[in-house]
Structures are given as structure tokens and as C-alpha cells.
Amino acid sequence: MAKRSHNEVQESLRELTRIFRPKDPRKFVKDYIRKYRITGGYEEELTLLVERELVRLNSPAS
């Protein structure tokens, strides 16, 4: 996956996380990968990205 494309995937996933606030990050990422036909091998990295974004959204603003 090209660097620019990878960054676009990450940003898109962050935005969708902010909108939907998934209860199960792993399932959310699996559905995202299947729907948008993302190259395999990034599932763990993208799941961590969603989990970090959820933590950031749930923590009080500083």
C-alpha cells in the first residue's frame, strides 16, 4: 500500500470512528476492510488506530 493511500485509509477510519463510535473495534475494522477492499495485513494496525481514537474521544478534553 502506498504511503499516501495508507494515510488516507487511516484518516478515513478515524473519521468513521468519530461518527459511529463502535462498541467492537475489531469487528468495525473487519467490516471496513471487507467493504472498502483494503489490502490484507493491516487489520491489527487499524484496530489499534480505532481503539486509540475511541480512548481519545472518551477522555475529557484537556
Protein backbone atom coordinates (compact mmCIF):
# COMPACT_ATOMS: atom_id res chain seq x y z
CA MET A 1 0.00 0.00 0.00
CA ALA A 2 1.46 3.35 -0.96
CA LYS A 3 2.21 5.79 1.85
CA ARG A 4 -0.34 8.37 0.72
CA SER A 5 -3.01 5.73 0.28
CA HIS A 6 -2.23 4.31 3.72
CA ASN A 7 -2.59 7.75 5.33
CA GLU A 8 -5.92 8.24 3.55
CA VAL A 9 -7.16 4.91 4.89
CA GLN A 10 -6.13 5.86 8.42
CA GLU A 11 -7.79 9.27 8.24
CA SER A 12 -10.97 7.81 6.79
CA LEU A 13 -11.10 5.19 9.55
CA ARG A 14 -10.56 7.88 12.22
CA GLU A 15 -13.45 9.90 10.81
CA LEU A 16 -15.75 6.87 10.71
CA THR A 17 -14.76 6.05 14.29
CA ARG A 18 -15.71 9.57 15.40
CA ILE A 19 -19.07 9.25 13.64
CA PHE A 20 -20.08 5.72 14.63
CA ARG A 21 -18.14 5.19 17.89
CA PRO A 22 -18.11 1.40 17.50
CA LYS A 23 -18.53 -0.88 20.54
CA ASP A 24 -16.34 -3.59 18.98
CA PRO A 25 -13.29 -2.06 17.24
CA ARG A 26 -12.12 -5.41 15.80
CA LYS A 27 -15.46 -6.11 14.09
CA PHE A 28 -15.65 -2.49 12.90
CA VAL A 29 -12.21 -2.80 11.25
CA LYS A 30 -13.07 -6.19 9.70
CA ASP A 31 -16.23 -4.72 8.17
CA TYR A 32 -14.28 -1.67 6.95
CA ILE A 33 -11.59 -3.84 5.33
CA ARG A 34 -14.21 -6.02 3.64
CA LYS A 35 -16.36 -3.10 2.45
CA TYR A 36 -13.51 -0.98 1.07
CA ARG A 37 -11.35 -3.91 -0.11
CA ILE A 38 -8.29 -2.89 1.87
CA THR A 39 -5.15 -4.96 1.33
CA GLY A 40 -4.73 -7.64 3.99
CA GLY A 41 -2.16 -7.44 6.75
CA TYR A 42 -3.27 -4.11 8.20
CA GLU A 43 -6.10 -5.36 10.40
CA GLU A 44 -4.16 -5.27 13.69
CA GLU A 45 -2.68 -1.83 12.99
CA LEU A 46 -6.08 -0.39 12.02
CA THR A 47 -7.75 -1.97 15.06
CA LEU A 48 -5.20 -0.24 17.31
CA LEU A 49 -5.87 3.01 15.49
CA VAL A 50 -9.63 2.71 16.17
CA GLU A 51 -9.03 1.78 19.83
CA ARG A 52 -6.74 4.81 20.32
CA GLU A 53 -9.25 7.11 18.66
CA LEU A 54 -12.05 5.80 20.92
CA VAL A 55 -9.91 6.40 24.02
CA ARG A 56 -9.15 9.91 22.81
CA LEU A 57 -12.87 10.59 22.21
CA ASN A 58 -13.84 9.26 25.64
CA SER A 59 -11.21 11.14 27.61
CA PRO A 60 -12.05 14.60 28.91
CA ALA A 61 -10.62 17.46 26.88
CA SER A 62 -7.54 18.95 28.46
